[in-house]
Amino acid sequence: MAPVPGSGLAKGLAVTLRTMTKKTVTEQYPDVQPDLPPRTRGVIGLFEENCTVCMLCARECPDWCIYIDSHKETVPAATPGGRERSRNVLDRFAIDFSLCMYCGICIEVCPFDALFWSPEFEYAESDIRDLTHERDKLREWMWTVPAPPALDPGAEEPKEIAAARKTAEKLAAQQEAAQQEVAAGEPLADEQARAAEQPTRPAGDSKQQTDQPRQEGPE
């Protein structure tokens, strides 16, 4: 059966009319920033204070796109006669995002929580060589990392938070005890001061002797 002339045009116009009556889903980017999910894998942020240069992230990366340089420093002994220690100091931490496949293995294997996902995605470059970002840029992206989701009501409290809370409670108890000792010592100091201000009587002379008249013996 031959198609009816103009049927295709009628179907197209019907689709257009149905679309016109529906709410648009087009996001006006870049004028309006998209509302990204909290677990969006944009870029990797570095919290370098937690990095111990263990090299786990670089060794486990399938693309070998993480570059880390470091040197050792000697830490003096904390107590007299103690032993000196050596520690690794981070010199360079760079990620080549032209090679990164956003698998997240480096973030998962980091034992010290130094790497985090950031939803930042506006980092395109005209030159592919500029996609290797150093630790300064990774540190800037760290401040765009969203806060972690809240724990379930029945979940166990994290050990770090529990340890910090116990330490704070211990310090508060010590300060309160010190304040109570100071408050208890003030009345005692006042009594000692008043006792020091009172005049002293000669030895062997009581109050009763001074109040009664002195009797004279027979001549």
N, C-alpha and C. Protein backbone atom coordinates (compact mmCIF):
# COMPACT_ATOMS: atom_id res chain seq x y z
N MET A 1 0.84 -1.19 0.00
CA MET A 1 0.00 0.00 0.00
C MET A 1 0.88 1.24 0.00
N ALA A 2 0.61 2.11 -0.91
CA ALA A 2 1.43 3.32 -1.04
C ALA A 2 1.13 4.27 0.11
N PRO A 3 2.17 4.92 0.64
CA PRO A 3 1.95 5.87 1.75
C PRO A 3 1.13 7.06 1.30
N VAL A 4 0.38 7.54 2.22
CA VAL A 4 -0.46 8.70 1.92
C VAL A 4 0.44 9.93 1.82
N PRO A 5 0.29 10.69 0.78
CA PRO A 5 1.13 11.89 0.66
C PRO A 5 0.92 12.83 1.85
N GLY A 6 2.04 13.26 2.42
CA GLY A 6 1.98 14.20 3.54
C GLY A 6 1.84 13.54 4.89
N SER A 7 1.82 12.17 4.95
CA SER A 7 1.68 11.50 6.25
C SER A 7 2.92 11.67 7.12
N GLY A 8 4.09 11.68 6.48
CA GLY A 8 5.33 11.88 7.24
C GLY A 8 5.38 13.26 7.88
N LEU A 9 4.93 14.25 7.11
CA LEU A 9 4.90 15.60 7.65
C LEU A 9 3.92 15.71 8.82
N ALA A 10 2.80 15.02 8.70
CA ALA A 10 1.81 15.05 9.78
C ALA A 10 2.34 14.40 11.04
N LYS A 11 3.07 13.28 10.88
CA LYS A 11 3.66 12.63 12.06
C LYS A 11 4.71 13.52 12.73
N GLY A 12 5.51 14.17 11.90
CA GLY A 12 6.52 15.07 12.46
C GLY A 12 5.90 16.23 13.22
N LEU A 13 4.86 16.81 12.65
CA LEU A 13 4.18 17.91 13.33
C LEU A 13 3.52 17.44 14.63
N ALA A 14 3.02 16.19 14.66
CA ALA A 14 2.42 15.66 15.88
C ALA A 14 3.46 15.51 16.98
N VAL A 15 4.64 15.02 16.61
CA VAL A 15 5.72 14.90 17.60
C VAL A 15 6.12 16.27 18.12
N THR A 16 6.19 17.24 17.21
CA THR A 16 6.55 18.60 17.63
C THR A 16 5.53 19.17 18.58
N LEU A 17 4.26 18.98 18.30
CA LEU A 17 3.22 19.51 19.17
C LEU A 17 3.24 18.85 20.55
N ARG A 18 3.49 17.53 20.59
CA ARG A 18 3.56 16.85 21.88
C ARG A 18 4.76 17.36 22.69
N THR A 19 5.85 17.61 22.03
CA THR A 19 7.06 18.10 22.73
C THR A 19 6.85 19.51 23.24
N MET A 20 6.13 20.33 22.49
CA MET A 20 5.90 21.72 22.90
C MET A 20 5.06 21.82 24.17
N THR A 21 4.23 20.83 24.40
CA THR A 21 3.35 20.88 25.58
C THR A 21 4.02 20.30 26.83
N LYS A 22 5.20 19.73 26.70
CA LYS A 22 5.90 19.15 27.84
C LYS A 22 6.95 20.11 28.36
N LYS A 23 7.34 19.90 29.64
CA LYS A 23 8.37 20.73 30.25
C LYS A 23 9.73 20.41 29.66
N THR A 24 10.49 21.44 29.36
CA THR A 24 11.79 21.22 28.73
C THR A 24 12.79 20.64 29.73
N VAL A 25 13.68 19.81 29.25
CA VAL A 25 14.71 19.20 30.08
C VAL A 25 16.10 19.72 29.70
N THR A 26 16.16 20.68 28.83
CA THR A 26 17.43 21.24 28.39
C THR A 26 18.02 22.11 29.48
N GLU A 27 19.30 21.87 29.83
CA GLU A 27 20.00 22.69 30.83
C GLU A 27 20.81 23.75 30.10
N GLN A 28 20.61 24.98 30.50
CA GLN A 28 21.25 26.11 29.83
C GLN A 28 22.70 26.28 30.31
N TYR A 29 23.52 25.28 30.02
CA TYR A 29 24.93 25.35 30.37
C TYR A 29 25.68 26.12 29.28
N PRO A 30 26.60 27.00 29.58
CA PRO A 30 27.24 27.28 30.87
C PRO A 30 26.59 28.40 31.69
N ASP A 31 25.50 28.97 31.20
CA ASP A 31 24.85 30.03 31.98
C ASP A 31 24.29 29.50 33.29
N VAL A 32 23.83 28.27 33.29
CA VAL A 32 23.30 27.63 34.49
C VAL A 32 24.11 26.38 34.76
N GLN A 33 24.71 26.31 35.95
CA GLN A 33 25.51 25.16 36.30
C GLN A 33 24.62 23.95 36.57
N PRO A 34 25.02 22.78 36.11
CA PRO A 34 24.20 21.58 36.33
C PRO A 34 24.24 21.15 37.80
N ASP A 35 23.16 20.54 38.23
CA ASP A 35 23.07 20.00 39.58
C ASP A 35 23.57 18.56 39.54
N LEU A 36 24.84 18.37 39.90
CA LEU A 36 25.48 17.05 39.76
C LEU A 36 25.18 16.18 40.98
N PRO A 37 25.15 14.88 40.80
CA PRO A 37 24.99 13.97 41.95
C PRO A 37 26.18 14.10 42.90
N PRO A 38 25.99 13.78 44.18
CA PRO A 38 27.08 13.97 45.15
C PRO A 38 28.26 13.05 44.90
N ARG A 39 28.08 11.93 44.22
CA ARG A 39 29.19 10.99 43.98
C ARG A 39 29.73 11.11 42.56
N THR A 40 29.61 12.29 41.97
CA THR A 40 30.12 12.50 40.62
C THR A 40 31.64 12.36 40.60
N ARG A 41 32.17 11.67 39.62
CA ARG A 41 33.61 11.52 39.46
C ARG A 41 34.11 12.56 38.48
N GLY A 42 34.48 13.71 39.01
CA GLY A 42 34.99 14.78 38.16
C GLY A 42 36.50 14.73 38.08
N VAL A 43 37.15 15.20 39.12
CA VAL A 43 38.61 15.16 39.22
C VAL A 43 38.97 14.63 40.60
N ILE A 44 40.26 14.47 40.83
CA ILE A 44 40.76 13.93 42.10
C ILE A 44 41.42 15.06 42.87
N GLY A 45 40.95 15.29 44.08
CA GLY A 45 41.54 16.30 44.95
C GLY A 45 42.54 15.68 45.90
N LEU A 46 43.58 16.44 46.24
CA LEU A 46 44.66 15.96 47.10
C LEU A 46 44.67 16.74 48.41
N PHE A 47 44.59 16.00 49.53
CA PHE A 47 44.76 16.60 50.86
C PHE A 47 46.17 16.21 51.33
N GLU A 48 47.15 17.04 50.94
CA GLU A 48 48.54 16.64 51.07
C GLU A 48 49.01 16.49 52.50
N GLU A 49 48.31 17.08 53.48
CA GLU A 49 48.70 16.90 54.87
C GLU A 49 48.60 15.43 55.30
N ASN A 50 47.71 14.69 54.66
CA ASN A 50 47.53 13.27 55.01
C ASN A 50 48.43 12.34 54.21
N CYS A 51 49.09 12.86 53.20
CA CYS A 51 49.91 12.02 52.33
C CYS A 51 51.23 11.68 53.03
N THR A 52 51.55 10.39 53.10
CA THR A 52 52.80 9.92 53.70
C THR A 52 53.78 9.39 52.65
N VAL A 53 53.50 9.61 51.38
CA VAL A 53 54.35 9.15 50.28
C VAL A 53 54.55 7.63 50.36
N CYS A 54 53.46 6.91 50.62
CA CYS A 54 53.55 5.44 50.66
C CYS A 54 53.59 4.83 49.27
N MET A 55 53.25 5.61 48.24
CA MET A 55 53.32 5.20 46.83
C MET A 55 52.29 4.14 46.45
N LEU A 56 51.33 3.85 47.31
CA LEU A 56 50.33 2.84 46.97
C LEU A 56 49.49 3.27 45.78
N CYS A 57 49.08 4.54 45.75
CA CYS A 57 48.24 5.02 44.66
C CYS A 57 48.96 4.92 43.32
N ALA A 58 50.25 5.28 43.29
CA ALA A 58 51.01 5.24 42.05
C ALA A 58 51.25 3.80 41.59
N ARG A 59 51.46 2.89 42.54
CA ARG A 59 51.72 1.49 42.15
C ARG A 59 50.46 0.78 41.68
N GLU A 60 49.31 1.13 42.26
CA GLU A 60 48.07 0.45 41.91
C GLU A 60 47.36 1.07 40.71
N CYS A 61 47.79 2.24 40.25
CA CYS A 61 47.13 2.91 39.13
C CYS A 61 47.31 2.08 37.85
N PRO A 62 46.22 1.67 37.19
CA PRO A 62 46.36 0.86 35.96
C PRO A 62 47.01 1.62 34.82
N ASP A 63 46.87 2.94 34.80
CA ASP A 63 47.40 3.74 33.69
C ASP A 63 48.75 4.37 34.01
N TRP A 64 49.22 4.20 35.22
CA TRP A 64 50.49 4.81 35.62
C TRP A 64 50.50 6.31 35.32
N CYS A 65 49.44 6.98 35.72
CA CYS A 65 49.33 8.41 35.43
C CYS A 65 49.57 9.28 36.66
N ILE A 66 50.05 8.69 37.77
CA ILE A 66 50.34 9.44 38.99
C ILE A 66 51.85 9.53 39.16
N TYR A 67 52.35 10.74 39.33
CA TYR A 67 53.79 10.98 39.46
C TYR A 67 54.07 11.57 40.84
N ILE A 68 54.92 10.90 41.61
CA ILE A 68 55.22 11.32 42.98
C ILE A 68 56.73 11.39 43.15
N ASP A 69 57.21 12.51 43.71
CA ASP A 69 58.62 12.68 44.08
C ASP A 69 58.66 13.08 45.55
N SER A 70 59.70 12.61 46.24
CA SER A 70 59.83 12.91 47.67
C SER A 70 61.29 12.84 48.08
N HIS A 71 61.56 13.28 49.28
CA HIS A 71 62.89 13.14 49.86
C HIS A 71 62.74 12.85 51.36
N LYS A 72 63.80 12.38 51.96
CA LYS A 72 63.77 12.03 53.38
C LYS A 72 64.37 13.16 54.21
N GLU A 73 63.77 13.37 55.38
CA GLU A 73 64.26 14.34 56.35
C GLU A 73 64.43 13.66 57.69
N THR A 74 65.42 14.11 58.44
CA THR A 74 65.66 13.56 59.77
C THR A 74 64.91 14.38 60.81
N VAL A 75 64.14 13.69 61.61
CA VAL A 75 63.37 14.35 62.67
C VAL A 75 64.13 14.17 63.97
N PRO A 76 64.47 15.26 64.67
CA PRO A 76 65.21 15.11 65.94
C PRO A 76 64.38 14.37 66.98
N ALA A 77 65.07 13.85 67.97
CA ALA A 77 64.41 13.08 69.02
C ALA A 77 63.49 13.97 69.84
N ALA A 78 62.35 13.42 70.21
CA ALA A 78 61.38 14.19 70.99
C ALA A 78 61.80 14.36 72.42
N THR A 79 62.59 13.44 72.97
CA THR A 79 63.06 13.49 74.35
C THR A 79 64.58 13.43 74.38
N PRO A 80 65.19 13.97 75.41
CA PRO A 80 66.65 13.89 75.51
C PRO A 80 67.11 12.44 75.55
N GLY A 81 68.11 12.12 74.76
CA GLY A 81 68.61 10.76 74.69
C GLY A 81 67.79 9.85 73.82
N GLY A 82 66.75 10.39 73.17
CA GLY A 82 65.90 9.58 72.30
C GLY A 82 66.57 9.31 70.96
N ARG A 83 65.84 8.60 70.15
CA ARG A 83 66.37 8.20 68.85
C ARG A 83 65.78 9.06 67.75
N GLU A 84 66.63 9.49 66.83
CA GLU A 84 66.16 10.29 65.70
C GLU A 84 65.37 9.41 64.73
N ARG A 85 64.42 10.04 64.05
CA ARG A 85 63.60 9.34 63.07
C ARG A 85 63.75 10.01 61.71
N SER A 86 63.39 9.30 60.68
CA SER A 86 63.39 9.85 59.32
C SER A 86 61.98 9.74 58.76
N ARG A 87 61.58 10.73 57.98
CA ARG A 87 60.25 10.74 57.39
C ARG A 87 60.33 11.19 55.94
N ASN A 88 59.36 10.79 55.16
CA ASN A 88 59.28 11.18 53.76
C ASN A 88 58.55 12.52 53.64
N VAL A 89 59.08 13.40 52.84
CA VAL A 89 58.49 14.71 52.59
C VAL A 89 58.09 14.78 51.12
N LEU A 90 56.85 15.15 50.88
CA LEU A 90 56.32 15.20 49.52
C LEU A 90 56.88 16.39 48.76
N ASP A 91 57.47 16.13 47.59
CA ASP A 91 57.99 17.19 46.73
C ASP A 91 57.08 17.43 45.53
N ARG A 92 56.54 16.36 44.98
CA ARG A 92 55.68 16.50 43.80
C ARG A 92 54.59 15.43 43.83
N PHE A 93 53.38 15.87 43.50
CA PHE A 93 52.26 14.94 43.33
C PHE A 93 51.47 15.45 42.15
N ALA A 94 51.50 14.73 41.04
CA ALA A 94 50.84 15.15 39.81
C ALA A 94 50.04 14.00 39.24
N ILE A 95 48.94 14.35 38.58
CA ILE A 95 48.09 13.36 37.91
C ILE A 95 47.88 13.80 36.47
N ASP A 96 48.13 12.89 35.54
CA ASP A 96 47.92 13.16 34.12
C ASP A 96 46.49 12.74 33.77
N PHE A 97 45.58 13.70 33.68
CA PHE A 97 44.18 13.39 33.41
C PHE A 97 43.93 13.04 31.95
N SER A 98 44.93 13.18 31.09
CA SER A 98 44.76 12.69 29.73
C SER A 98 44.89 11.17 29.67
N LEU A 99 45.47 10.56 30.69
CA LEU A 99 45.60 9.11 30.78
C LEU A 99 44.63 8.50 31.78
N CYS A 100 44.21 9.29 32.76
CA CYS A 100 43.35 8.76 33.83
C CYS A 100 42.03 8.25 33.25
N MET A 101 41.61 7.06 33.71
CA MET A 101 40.33 6.51 33.25
C MET A 101 39.28 6.55 34.37
N TYR A 102 39.56 7.30 35.43
CA TYR A 102 38.58 7.58 36.49
C TYR A 102 38.04 6.29 37.12
N CYS A 103 38.93 5.33 37.33
CA CYS A 103 38.51 4.08 37.96
C CYS A 103 38.37 4.22 39.47
N GLY A 104 39.10 5.17 40.07
CA GLY A 104 39.00 5.40 41.51
C GLY A 104 39.82 4.44 42.35
N ILE A 105 40.69 3.64 41.74
CA ILE A 105 41.49 2.69 42.52
C ILE A 105 42.44 3.43 43.45
N CYS A 106 43.02 4.53 43.00
CA CYS A 106 43.96 5.28 43.84
C CYS A 106 43.28 5.80 45.10
N ILE A 107 42.02 6.21 44.97
CA ILE A 107 41.29 6.72 46.13
C ILE A 107 40.94 5.59 47.08
N GLU A 108 40.62 4.42 46.52
CA GLU A 108 40.23 3.29 47.36
C GLU A 108 41.40 2.72 48.14
N VAL A 109 42.60 2.69 47.53
CA VAL A 109 43.73 2.04 48.20
C VAL A 109 44.48 2.98 49.13
N CYS A 110 44.20 4.27 49.08
CA CYS A 110 44.91 5.22 49.95
C CYS A 110 44.55 4.94 51.40
N PRO A 111 45.51 4.53 52.24
CA PRO A 111 45.18 4.19 53.63
C PRO A 111 45.08 5.39 54.56
N PHE A 112 45.40 6.59 54.07
CA PHE A 112 45.44 7.76 54.94
C PHE A 112 44.46 8.85 54.52
N ASP A 113 43.52 8.53 53.63
CA ASP A 113 42.49 9.49 53.20
C ASP A 113 43.12 10.78 52.69
N ALA A 114 43.99 10.65 51.71
CA ALA A 114 44.63 11.82 51.10
C ALA A 114 44.05 12.17 49.74
N LEU A 115 43.26 11.27 49.14
CA LEU A 115 42.68 11.50 47.81
C LEU A 115 41.17 11.41 47.90
N PHE A 116 40.49 12.32 47.18
CA PHE A 116 39.03 12.38 47.22
C PHE A 116 38.51 12.73 45.84
N TRP A 117 37.28 12.27 45.56
CA TRP A 117 36.60 12.66 44.32
C TRP A 117 36.00 14.05 44.47
N SER A 118 36.19 14.86 43.44
CA SER A 118 35.58 16.18 43.38
C SER A 118 34.65 16.24 42.17
N PRO A 119 33.48 16.86 42.29
CA PRO A 119 32.58 16.96 41.13
C PRO A 119 33.01 18.00 40.11
N GLU A 120 34.13 18.65 40.31
CA GLU A 120 34.61 19.66 39.37
C GLU A 120 34.90 19.00 38.02
N PHE A 121 34.40 19.60 36.95
CA PHE A 121 34.60 19.01 35.62
C PHE A 121 35.07 20.03 34.59
N GLU A 122 35.15 21.28 34.94
CA GLU A 122 35.56 22.31 33.99
C GLU A 122 37.08 22.50 34.04
N TYR A 123 37.79 21.57 33.45
CA TYR A 123 39.25 21.67 33.43
C TYR A 123 39.80 21.31 32.05
N ALA A 124 39.02 21.57 31.01
CA ALA A 124 39.48 21.29 29.65
C ALA A 124 40.64 22.21 29.28
N GLU A 125 41.53 21.70 28.46
CA GLU A 125 42.70 22.45 28.01
C GLU A 125 42.82 22.32 26.50
N SER A 126 43.39 23.31 25.88
CA SER A 126 43.62 23.27 24.43
C SER A 126 44.83 22.42 24.08
N ASP A 127 45.75 22.24 25.03
CA ASP A 127 46.94 21.43 24.81
C ASP A 127 46.88 20.23 25.74
N ILE A 128 47.06 19.04 25.21
CA ILE A 128 46.96 17.83 26.03
C ILE A 128 48.03 17.79 27.10
N ARG A 129 49.15 18.45 26.88
CA ARG A 129 50.21 18.44 27.88
C ARG A 129 49.83 19.24 29.13
N ASP A 130 48.85 20.11 29.00
CA ASP A 130 48.41 20.89 30.15
C ASP A 130 47.42 20.14 31.04
N LEU A 131 47.08 18.91 30.68
CA LEU A 131 46.18 18.11 31.50
C LEU A 131 46.90 17.39 32.64
N THR A 132 48.21 17.54 32.72
CA THR A 132 48.96 17.02 33.87
C THR A 132 48.97 18.10 34.94
N HIS A 133 48.18 17.90 35.98
CA HIS A 133 47.99 18.91 37.02
C HIS A 133 48.83 18.56 38.25
N GLU A 134 49.53 19.59 38.74
CA GLU A 134 50.41 19.41 39.89
C GLU A 134 49.61 19.51 41.19
N ARG A 135 50.31 19.36 42.31
CA ARG A 135 49.63 19.26 43.61
C ARG A 135 48.95 20.56 44.02
N ASP A 136 49.43 21.70 43.53
CA ASP A 136 48.77 22.97 43.87
C ASP A 136 47.35 22.99 43.31
N LYS A 137 47.21 22.55 42.07
CA LYS A 137 45.87 22.51 41.45
C LYS A 137 45.02 21.43 42.11
N LEU A 138 45.62 20.29 42.43
CA LEU A 138 44.87 19.23 43.10
C LEU A 138 44.42 19.69 44.48
N ARG A 139 45.21 20.53 45.13
CA ARG A 139 44.83 21.06 46.44
C ARG A 139 43.65 22.02 46.31
N GLU A 140 43.61 22.81 45.25
CA GLU A 140 42.48 23.71 45.04
C GLU A 140 41.19 22.93 44.83
N TRP A 141 41.27 21.82 44.13
CA TRP A 141 40.07 21.00 43.91
C TRP A 141 39.60 20.33 45.20
N MET A 142 40.48 20.22 46.17
CA MET A 142 40.09 19.58 47.43
C MET A 142 38.97 20.34 48.11
N TRP A 143 38.91 21.65 47.94
CA TRP A 143 37.89 22.45 48.61
C TRP A 143 36.54 22.37 47.92
N THR A 144 36.48 21.69 46.77
CA THR A 144 35.19 21.46 46.11
C THR A 144 34.63 20.07 46.41
N VAL A 145 35.33 19.31 47.22
CA VAL A 145 34.86 17.97 47.57
C VAL A 145 33.64 18.09 48.49
N PRO A 146 32.53 17.44 48.17
CA PRO A 146 31.35 17.56 49.04
C PRO A 146 31.56 16.84 50.36
N ALA A 147 30.77 17.24 51.35
CA ALA A 147 30.85 16.60 52.67
C ALA A 147 30.37 15.16 52.58
N PRO A 148 30.93 14.28 53.40
CA PRO A 148 30.49 12.87 53.34
C PRO A 148 29.06 12.73 53.81
N PRO A 149 28.35 11.73 53.32
CA PRO A 149 26.95 11.55 53.75
C PRO A 149 26.88 11.17 55.22
N ALA A 150 25.75 11.48 55.83
CA ALA A 150 25.56 11.17 57.24
C ALA A 150 25.47 9.66 57.45
N LEU A 151 25.90 9.23 58.63
CA LEU A 151 25.85 7.81 58.95
C LEU A 151 24.43 7.37 59.24
N ASP A 152 24.20 6.08 59.12
CA ASP A 152 22.91 5.53 59.50
C ASP A 152 22.70 5.68 61.01
N PRO A 153 21.46 5.77 61.45
CA PRO A 153 21.22 5.95 62.90
C PRO A 153 21.83 4.85 63.76
N GLY A 154 21.90 3.63 63.24
CA GLY A 154 22.45 2.53 64.03
C GLY A 154 23.91 2.24 63.76
N ALA A 155 24.58 3.10 62.99
CA ALA A 155 25.98 2.84 62.64
C ALA A 155 26.90 3.16 63.81
N GLU A 156 28.04 2.49 63.82
CA GLU A 156 29.02 2.73 64.88
C GLU A 156 29.75 4.04 64.62
N GLU A 157 30.06 4.75 65.69
CA GLU A 157 30.76 6.03 65.57
C GLU A 157 32.17 5.80 65.04
N PRO A 158 32.65 6.63 64.10
CA PRO A 158 34.01 6.46 63.59
C PRO A 158 35.04 6.53 64.71
N LYS A 159 36.09 5.73 64.59
CA LYS A 159 37.10 5.68 65.65
C LYS A 159 37.81 7.02 65.82
N GLU A 160 38.04 7.74 64.71
CA GLU A 160 38.72 9.02 64.81
C GLU A 160 37.89 10.02 65.62
N ILE A 161 36.57 10.06 65.34
CA ILE A 161 35.71 10.99 66.06
C ILE A 161 35.58 10.59 67.53
N ALA A 162 35.48 9.28 67.79
CA ALA A 162 35.37 8.81 69.17
C ALA A 162 36.63 9.15 69.97
N ALA A 163 37.81 8.96 69.36
CA ALA A 163 39.06 9.29 70.05
C ALA A 163 39.17 10.78 70.32
N ALA A 164 38.79 11.61 69.32
CA ALA A 164 38.84 13.06 69.51
C ALA A 164 37.85 13.51 70.59
N ARG A 165 36.67 12.89 70.62
CA ARG A 165 35.68 13.27 71.63
C ARG A 165 36.16 12.89 73.03
N LYS A 166 36.74 11.70 73.20
CA LYS A 166 37.24 11.29 74.51
C LYS A 166 38.37 12.20 74.98
N THR A 167 39.24 12.59 74.06
CA THR A 167 40.33 13.50 74.43
C THR A 167 39.78 14.86 74.87
N ALA A 168 38.78 15.37 74.15
CA ALA A 168 38.19 16.66 74.52
C ALA A 168 37.49 16.57 75.88
N GLU A 169 36.79 15.46 76.13
CA GLU A 169 36.12 15.30 77.42
C GLU A 169 37.14 15.19 78.56
N LYS A 170 38.26 14.53 78.32
CA LYS A 170 39.30 14.41 79.34
C LYS A 170 39.91 15.77 79.66
N LEU A 171 40.18 16.57 78.63
CA LEU A 171 40.74 17.91 78.86
C LEU A 171 39.74 18.79 79.60
N ALA A 172 38.45 18.69 79.23
CA ALA A 172 37.44 19.49 79.92
C ALA A 172 37.34 19.09 81.39
N ALA A 173 37.44 17.79 81.71
CA ALA A 173 37.39 17.35 83.10
C ALA A 173 38.60 17.85 83.88
N GLN A 174 39.78 17.84 83.24
CA GLN A 174 40.97 18.35 83.92
C GLN A 174 40.85 19.85 84.20
N GLN A 175 40.34 20.60 83.24
CA GLN A 175 40.17 22.04 83.47
C GLN A 175 39.15 22.32 84.56
N GLU A 176 38.06 21.54 84.60
CA GLU A 176 37.06 21.74 85.64
C GLU A 176 37.62 21.41 87.02
N ALA A 177 38.42 20.34 87.11
CA ALA A 177 39.03 19.99 88.39
C ALA A 177 40.01 21.07 88.85
N ALA A 178 40.76 21.64 87.90
CA ALA A 178 41.69 22.70 88.27
C ALA A 178 40.95 23.94 88.76
N GLN A 179 39.84 24.27 88.12
CA GLN A 179 39.05 25.41 88.56
C GLN A 179 38.47 25.18 89.95
N GLN A 180 38.03 23.96 90.25
CA GLN A 180 37.50 23.66 91.58
C GLN A 180 38.58 23.75 92.64
N GLU A 181 39.79 23.32 92.31
CA GLU A 181 40.89 23.44 93.26
C GLU A 181 41.21 24.90 93.55
N VAL A 182 41.18 25.71 92.51
CA VAL A 182 41.45 27.14 92.71
C VAL A 182 40.35 27.77 93.55
N ALA A 183 39.08 27.42 93.28
CA ALA A 183 37.98 27.98 94.06
C ALA A 183 38.04 27.52 95.51
N ALA A 184 38.46 26.27 95.76
CA ALA A 184 38.57 25.79 97.14
C ALA A 184 39.75 26.40 97.86
N GLY A 185 40.76 26.81 97.16
CA GLY A 185 41.94 27.41 97.79
C GLY A 185 41.76 28.87 98.15
N GLU A 186 40.81 29.56 97.54
CA GLU A 186 40.62 30.98 97.83
C GLU A 186 40.13 31.24 99.25
N PRO A 187 39.10 30.53 99.82
CA PRO A 187 38.70 30.77 101.22
C PRO A 187 39.81 30.48 102.21
N LEU A 188 40.61 29.42 101.95
CA LEU A 188 41.71 29.12 102.84
C LEU A 188 42.75 30.23 102.84
N ALA A 189 43.01 30.79 101.68
CA ALA A 189 43.96 31.90 101.61
C ALA A 189 43.42 33.13 102.34
N ASP A 190 42.09 33.40 102.26
CA ASP A 190 41.50 34.53 102.98
C ASP A 190 41.63 34.35 104.48
N GLU A 191 41.40 33.14 105.00
CA GLU A 191 41.53 32.89 106.43
C GLU A 191 42.97 33.09 106.89
N GLN A 192 43.90 32.62 106.09
CA GLN A 192 45.31 32.80 106.45
C GLN A 192 45.69 34.28 106.46
N ALA A 193 45.13 35.05 105.52
CA ALA A 193 45.44 36.48 105.48
C ALA A 193 44.86 37.20 106.70
N ARG A 194 43.62 36.85 107.10
CA ARG A 194 43.01 37.49 108.28
C ARG A 194 43.76 37.10 109.56
N ALA A 195 44.22 35.87 109.63
CA ALA A 195 44.98 35.45 110.81
C ALA A 195 46.30 36.20 110.90
N ALA A 196 46.88 36.49 109.76
CA ALA A 196 48.15 37.21 109.78
C ALA A 196 47.96 38.67 110.17
N GLU A 197 46.77 39.26 109.90
CA GLU A 197 46.52 40.66 110.25
C GLU A 197 46.20 40.86 111.73
N GLN A 198 45.70 39.85 112.47
CA GLN A 198 45.34 40.00 113.88
C GLN A 198 46.60 40.16 114.72
N PRO A 199 46.55 41.09 115.76
CA PRO A 199 47.73 41.27 116.63
C PRO A 199 47.94 40.05 117.52
N THR A 200 49.16 39.75 117.78
CA THR A 200 49.52 38.61 118.62
C THR A 200 49.71 39.07 120.06
N ARG A 201 49.31 38.21 121.02
CA ARG A 201 49.46 38.51 122.46
C ARG A 201 50.73 37.85 122.98
N PRO A 202 51.25 38.40 124.08
CA PRO A 202 52.47 37.80 124.65
C PRO A 202 52.19 36.39 125.13
N ALA A 203 53.19 35.60 125.16
CA ALA A 203 53.04 34.22 125.60
C ALA A 203 52.69 34.17 127.09
N GLY A 204 51.77 33.31 127.48
CA GLY A 204 51.35 33.16 128.86
C GLY A 204 50.32 34.16 129.31
N ASP A 205 49.92 35.09 128.49
CA ASP A 205 48.94 36.12 128.84
C ASP A 205 47.65 35.81 128.13
N SER A 206 46.63 35.36 128.84
CA SER A 206 45.36 34.98 128.25
C SER A 206 44.41 36.14 128.29
N LYS A 207 43.27 35.98 127.62
CA LYS A 207 42.26 37.02 127.60
C LYS A 207 41.63 37.21 128.97
N GLN A 208 41.47 36.11 129.74
CA GLN A 208 40.85 36.22 131.06
C GLN A 208 41.73 37.02 132.02
N GLN A 209 43.04 36.87 131.92
CA GLN A 209 43.95 37.61 132.77
C GLN A 209 43.93 39.09 132.45
N THR A 210 43.79 39.46 131.24
CA THR A 210 43.81 40.87 130.88
C THR A 210 42.50 41.54 131.24
N ASP A 211 41.36 40.81 131.25
CA ASP A 211 40.08 41.44 131.56
C ASP A 211 39.88 41.65 133.07
N GLN A 212 40.37 40.77 133.97
CA GLN A 212 40.16 40.89 135.42
C GLN A 212 41.20 41.86 136.01
N PRO A 213 40.78 42.63 137.08
CA PRO A 213 41.75 43.53 137.74
C PRO A 213 42.80 42.76 138.51
N ARG A 214 43.96 43.28 138.57
CA ARG A 214 45.08 42.61 139.20
C ARG A 214 45.02 42.86 140.70
N GLN A 215 45.05 41.80 141.54
CA GLN A 215 44.99 41.91 142.99
C GLN A 215 46.39 42.07 143.55
N GLU A 216 46.50 42.98 144.53
CA GLU A 216 47.80 43.22 145.16
C GLU A 216 47.90 42.40 146.43
N GLY A 217 49.04 41.86 146.76
CA GLY A 217 49.27 41.07 147.96
C GLY A 217 49.38 41.92 149.23
N PRO A 218 49.37 41.33 150.47
CA PRO A 218 49.53 42.08 151.73
C PRO A 218 50.87 42.72 151.80
N GLU A 219 50.88 43.84 152.40
CA GLU A 219 52.15 44.56 152.51
C GLU A 219 52.99 44.00 153.65
